[in-house]
C-alpha atoms as a PDB file:
ATOM      1  CA  MET A   1       4.513 -16.032 -22.537  1.00  0.00           C
ATOM      2  CA  GLN A   2       5.853 -12.553 -21.783  1.00  0.00           C
ATOM      3  CA  HIS A   3       2.728 -11.785 -19.789  1.00  0.00           C
ATOM      4  CA  ALA A   4       3.218 -14.859 -17.604  1.00  0.00           C
ATOM      5  CA  PHE A   5       6.886 -13.971 -17.044  1.00  0.00           C
ATOM      6  CA  PHE A   6       5.978 -10.392 -16.146  1.00  0.00           C
ATOM      7  CA  SER A   7       3.254 -11.558 -13.733  1.00  0.00           C
ATOM      8  CA  THR A   8       5.605 -14.054 -12.085  1.00  0.00           C
ATOM      9  CA  SER A   9       8.370 -11.456 -11.816  1.00  0.00           C
ATOM     10  CA  LEU A  10       5.969  -8.923 -10.356  1.00  0.00           C
ATOM     11  CA  PHE A  11       4.690 -11.483  -7.847  1.00  0.00           C
ATOM     12  CA  CYS A  12       8.262 -12.315  -6.781  1.00  0.00           C
ATOM     13  CA  LEU A  13       9.107  -8.654  -6.338  1.00  0.00           C
ATOM     14  CA  LEU A  14       5.986  -8.084  -4.260  1.00  0.00           C
ATOM     15  CA  ALA A  15       6.650 -11.162  -2.148  1.00  0.00           C
ATOM     16  CA  LEU A  16      10.257 -10.116  -1.615  1.00  0.00           C
ATOM     17  CA  SER A  17       9.265  -6.609  -0.555  1.00  0.00           C
ATOM     18  CA  ALA A  18       6.576  -7.967   1.765  1.00  0.00           C
ATOM     19  CA  CYS A  19       9.083 -10.243   3.463  1.00  0.00           C
ATOM     20  CA  SER A  20      11.783  -7.640   3.899  1.00  0.00           C
ATOM     21  CA  SER A  21      12.029  -5.964   7.258  1.00  0.00           C
ATOM     22  CA  ALA A  22      13.117  -2.597   5.856  1.00  0.00           C
ATOM     23  CA  PRO A  23      10.702   0.268   6.518  1.00  0.00           C
ATOM     24  CA  LEU A  24       8.590   1.463   3.643  1.00  0.00           C
ATOM     25  CA  ALA A  25       9.685   4.547   1.757  1.00  0.00           C
ATOM     26  CA  PRO A  26       7.238   7.382   1.154  1.00  0.00           C
ATOM     27  CA  GLU A  27       4.849   6.307  -1.520  1.00  0.00           C
ATOM     28  CA  THR A  28       3.573   7.596  -4.817  1.00  0.00           C
ATOM     29  CA  PRO A  29       2.528  11.008  -6.064  1.00  0.00           C
ATOM     30  CA  GLN A  30      -0.978   9.544  -6.414  1.00  0.00           C
ATOM     31  CA  ALA A  31      -1.126   8.928  -2.659  1.00  0.00           C
ATOM     32  CA  GLN A  32       0.136  12.451  -2.030  1.00  0.00           C
ATOM     33  CA  THR A  33      -2.584  13.806  -4.311  1.00  0.00           C
ATOM     34  CA  LYS A  34      -5.278  11.879  -2.420  1.00  0.00           C
ATOM     35  CA  LEU A  35      -4.089  13.313   0.879  1.00  0.00           C
ATOM     36  CA  LEU A  36      -3.810  16.826  -0.519  1.00  0.00           C
ATOM     37  CA  HIS A  37      -7.343  16.691  -1.963  1.00  0.00           C
ATOM     38  CA  ALA A  38      -8.718  15.368   1.327  1.00  0.00           C
ATOM     39  CA  LYS A  39      -6.972  18.150   3.267  1.00  0.00           C
ATOM     40  CA  GLN A  40      -8.261  20.726   0.753  1.00  0.00           C
ATOM     41  CA  ALA A  41     -11.793  19.388   1.324  1.00  0.00           C
ATOM     42  CA  CYS A  42     -11.318  19.820   5.086  1.00  0.00           C
ATOM     43  CA  LEU A  43     -10.099  23.352   4.613  1.00  0.00           C
ATOM     44  CA  SER A  44     -12.960  24.220   2.277  1.00  0.00           C
ATOM     45  CA  ALA A  45     -15.491  22.882   4.771  1.00  0.00           C
ATOM     46  CA  TYR A  46     -14.274  25.009   7.682  1.00  0.00           C
ATOM     47  CA  GLN A  47     -13.067  28.258   6.167  1.00  0.00           C
ATOM     48  CA  THR A  48     -15.211  31.301   5.586  1.00  0.00           C
ATOM     49  CA  PRO A  49     -15.996  32.594   2.090  1.00  0.00           C
ATOM     50  CA  GLN A  50     -13.097  35.000   2.639  1.00  0.00           C
ATOM     51  CA  GLY A  51     -10.742  32.038   3.069  1.00  0.00           C
ATOM     52  CA  LEU A  52     -10.177  32.400   6.817  1.00  0.00           C
ATOM     53  CA  VAL A  53     -10.692  29.718   9.453  1.00  0.00           C
ATOM     54  CA  PRO A  54     -12.519  31.135  12.462  1.00  0.00           C
ATOM     55  CA  LYS A  55     -11.506  30.157  15.978  1.00  0.00           C
ATOM     56  CA  ARG A  56     -14.774  28.219  16.425  1.00  0.00           C
ATOM     57  CA  ASN A  57     -13.931  26.019  13.417  1.00  0.00           C
ATOM     58  CA  MET A  58     -10.276  25.347  14.184  1.00  0.00           C
ATOM     59  CA  THR A  59     -10.884  22.206  16.272  1.00  0.00           C
ATOM     60  CA  ASN A  60     -13.103  20.760  13.536  1.00  0.00           C
ATOM     61  CA  LEU A  61     -10.488  21.580  10.905  1.00  0.00           C
ATOM     62  CA  MET A  62      -7.630  20.010  12.868  1.00  0.00           C
ATOM     63  CA  THR A  63      -9.789  16.944  13.626  1.00  0.00           C
ATOM     64  CA  CYS A  64     -10.573  16.605   9.921  1.00  0.00           C
ATOM     65  CA  PHE A  65      -6.852  16.906   9.068  1.00  0.00           C
ATOM     66  CA  ALA A  66      -6.066  14.239  11.676  1.00  0.00           C
ATOM     67  CA  LYS A  67      -8.656  11.856  10.222  1.00  0.00           C
ATOM     68  CA  VAL A  68      -7.398  12.209   6.662  1.00  0.00           C
ATOM     69  CA  THR A  69      -3.810  11.861   7.862  1.00  0.00           C
ATOM     70  CA  GLN A  70      -4.813   8.637   9.568  1.00  0.00           C
ATOM     71  CA  LYS A  71      -6.602   7.420   6.437  1.00  0.00           C
ATOM     72  CA  TYR A  72      -4.105   8.450   3.741  1.00  0.00           C
ATOM     73  CA  GLY A  73      -0.927   8.867   5.794  1.00  0.00           C
ATOM     74  CA  PRO A  74       0.344   5.282   5.589  1.00  0.00           C
ATOM     75  CA  GLU A  75       0.346   5.254   1.792  1.00  0.00           C
ATOM     76  CA  THR A  76       1.612   8.837   1.549  1.00  0.00           C
ATOM     77  CA  TYR A  77       4.298   8.949   4.229  1.00  0.00           C
ATOM     78  CA  GLY A  78       5.312   5.305   4.511  1.00  0.00           C
ATOM     79  CA  ALA A  79       7.569   4.732   7.506  1.00  0.00           C
ATOM     80  CA  TYR A  80       7.240   8.406   8.486  1.00  0.00           C
ATOM     81  CA  GLU A  81       3.472   8.189   8.983  1.00  0.00           C
ATOM     82  CA  PRO A  82       3.525   7.804  12.808  1.00  0.00           C
ATOM     83  CA  ILE A  83       5.375  11.120  13.056  1.00  0.00           C
ATOM     84  CA  TYR A  84       2.688  12.934  11.087  1.00  0.00           C
ATOM     85  CA  GLU A  85      -0.151  11.184  12.886  1.00  0.00           C
ATOM     86  CA  LYS A  86       1.311  12.279  16.236  1.00  0.00           C
ATOM     87  CA  GLY A  87       1.633  15.857  14.978  1.00  0.00           C
ATOM     88  CA  ALA A  88      -1.956  15.822  13.757  1.00  0.00           C
ATOM     89  CA  ALA A  89      -3.185  14.631  17.169  1.00  0.00           C
ATOM     90  CA  GLU A  90      -1.156  17.345  18.910  1.00  0.00           C
ATOM     91  CA  SER A  91      -2.660  19.928  16.538  1.00  0.00           C
ATOM     92  CA  VAL A  92      -6.157  18.805  17.546  1.00  0.00           C
ATOM     93  CA  ASP A  93      -5.221  19.271  21.212  1.00  0.00           C
ATOM     94  CA  ALA A  94      -3.835  22.746  20.488  1.00  0.00           C
ATOM     95  CA  ALA A  95      -7.058  23.697  18.676  1.00  0.00           C
ATOM     96  CA  LYS A  96      -9.094  22.476  21.655  1.00  0.00           C
ATOM     97  CA  HIS A  97      -6.969  24.664  23.935  1.00  0.00           C
ATOM     98  CA  LEU A  98      -7.677  27.611  21.634  1.00  0.00           C
ATOM     99  CA  ARG A  99     -11.423  26.937  21.696  1.00  0.00           C
ATOM    100  CA  GLU A 100     -11.415  26.587  25.493  1.00  0.00           C
ATOM    101  CA  GLY A 101      -9.556  29.876  25.893  1.00  0.00           C
ATOM    102  CA  LEU A 102      -6.401  28.249  27.250  1.00  0.00           C
ATOM    103  CA  PHE A 103      -4.435  29.604  24.259  1.00  0.00           C
ATOM    104  CA  THR A 104      -4.620  33.024  22.676  1.00  0.00           C
ATOM    105  CA  PRO A 105      -4.539  33.028  18.862  1.00  0.00           C
ATOM    106  CA  ASP A 106      -0.826  33.906  19.005  1.00  0.00           C
ATOM    107  CA  GLN A 107      -0.105  31.088  21.457  1.00  0.00           C
ATOM    108  CA  TYR A 108      -2.021  28.704  19.201  1.00  0.00           C
ATOM    109  CA  LYS A 109       0.027  29.741  16.164  1.00  0.00           C
ATOM    110  CA  SER A 110       3.232  29.298  18.173  1.00  0.00           C
ATOM    111  CA  GLU A 111       2.120  25.838  19.302  1.00  0.00           C
ATOM    112  CA  ILE A 112       1.357  24.784  15.715  1.00  0.00           C
ATOM    113  CA  GLU A 113       4.780  26.049  14.621  1.00  0.00           C
ATOM    114  CA  LEU A 114       6.406  24.086  17.452  1.00  0.00           C
ATOM    115  CA  ILE A 115       4.524  20.923  16.437  1.00  0.00           C
ATOM    116  CA  ARG A 116       5.734  21.352  12.823  1.00  0.00           C
ATOM    117  CA  GLU A 117       9.315  21.882  13.999  1.00  0.00           C
ATOM    118  CA  GLU A 118       9.122  18.735  16.147  1.00  0.00           C
ATOM    119  CA  GLU A 119       7.782  16.792  13.145  1.00  0.00           C
ATOM    120  CA  GLU A 120      10.607  18.068  10.975  1.00  0.00           C
ATOM    121  CA  SER A 121      13.193  17.130  13.608  1.00  0.00           C
ATOM    122  CA  ALA A 122      11.701  13.646  14.053  1.00  0.00           C
ATOM    123  CA  VAL A 123      11.675  13.139  10.275  1.00  0.00           C
ATOM    124  CA  MET A 124      15.328  14.164   9.968  1.00  0.00           C
ATOM    125  CA  GLN A 125      16.258  11.847  12.829  1.00  0.00           C
ATOM    126  CA  LYS A 126      14.376   8.914  11.285  1.00  0.00           C
ATOM    127  CA  GLN A 127      15.887   9.675   7.891  1.00  0.00           C
ATOM    128  CA  ALA A 128      19.381   9.619   9.397  1.00  0.00           C
ATOM    129  CA  GLN A 129      18.642   6.285  11.080  1.00  0.00           C
ATOM    130  CA  THR A 130      17.017   4.581   8.099  1.00  0.00           C
ATOM    131  CA  GLY A 131      18.515   6.264   5.054  1.00  0.00           C
ATOM    132  CA  LEU A 132      15.040   6.583   3.530  1.00  0.00           C
ATOM    133  CA  PRO A 133      14.260   9.497   1.246  1.00  0.00           C
ATOM    134  CA  ALA A 134      12.514  12.439   2.862  1.00  0.00           C
ATOM    135  CA  PRO A 135       8.725  12.203   2.939  1.00  0.00           C
ATOM    136  CA  PRO A 136       6.613  14.580   0.873  1.00  0.00           C
ATOM    137  CA  ILE A 137       5.232  17.712   2.475  1.00  0.00           C
ATOM    138  CA  VAL A 138       1.495  17.740   1.835  1.00  0.00           C
ATOM    139  CA  LEU A 139      -0.148  20.957   2.989  1.00  0.00           C
ATOM    140  CA  PRO A 140      -3.339  22.494   1.630  1.00  0.00           C
ATOM    141  CA  THR A 141      -3.179  26.122   0.659  1.00  0.00           C
ATOM    142  CA  PRO A 142      -5.902  28.345   2.113  1.00  0.00           C
ATOM    143  CA  ASN A 143      -7.378  31.113  -0.011  1.00  0.00           C
ATOM    144  CA  LYS A 144      -5.911  33.582   2.488  1.00  0.00           C
ATOM    145  CA  THR A 145      -3.847  33.206   5.593  1.00  0.00           C
ATOM    146  CA  SER A 146      -5.870  31.134   8.052  1.00  0.00           C
ATOM    147  CA  THR A 147      -6.377  32.790  11.370  1.00  0.00           C
ATOM    148  CA  PRO A 148      -8.170  31.580  14.469  1.00  0.00           C
END
């Protein structure tokens, strides 16, 4: 009897949340862990044994980050996901500019910092509009400072 009541209550809660028009809040620590592990795998694939990411690998790394953000972002960031997906796409473009010689390594680093600042600003603006809790910050940690 309790099991049936719990199942019915759970179904009602799920149906109610599916019907509400409120944006989704950032999701669970499990989703954050999935995204972090995927980003760590990207980093491991493109860094040298010394823990650095060479200029020639930066586009591949940023593309990998963008793909995992697209895959795991919705369940990790909830309503904030489009902000992070946009930032990931801009990071890929910046890495392409680095590879093509349009950016120096310092210009590339500055561009990445600017993209992160724009993400942070967009998140704060969305948070002020929606009242949602802040999304998690999910960044892999390189063995050493990554440099192009």
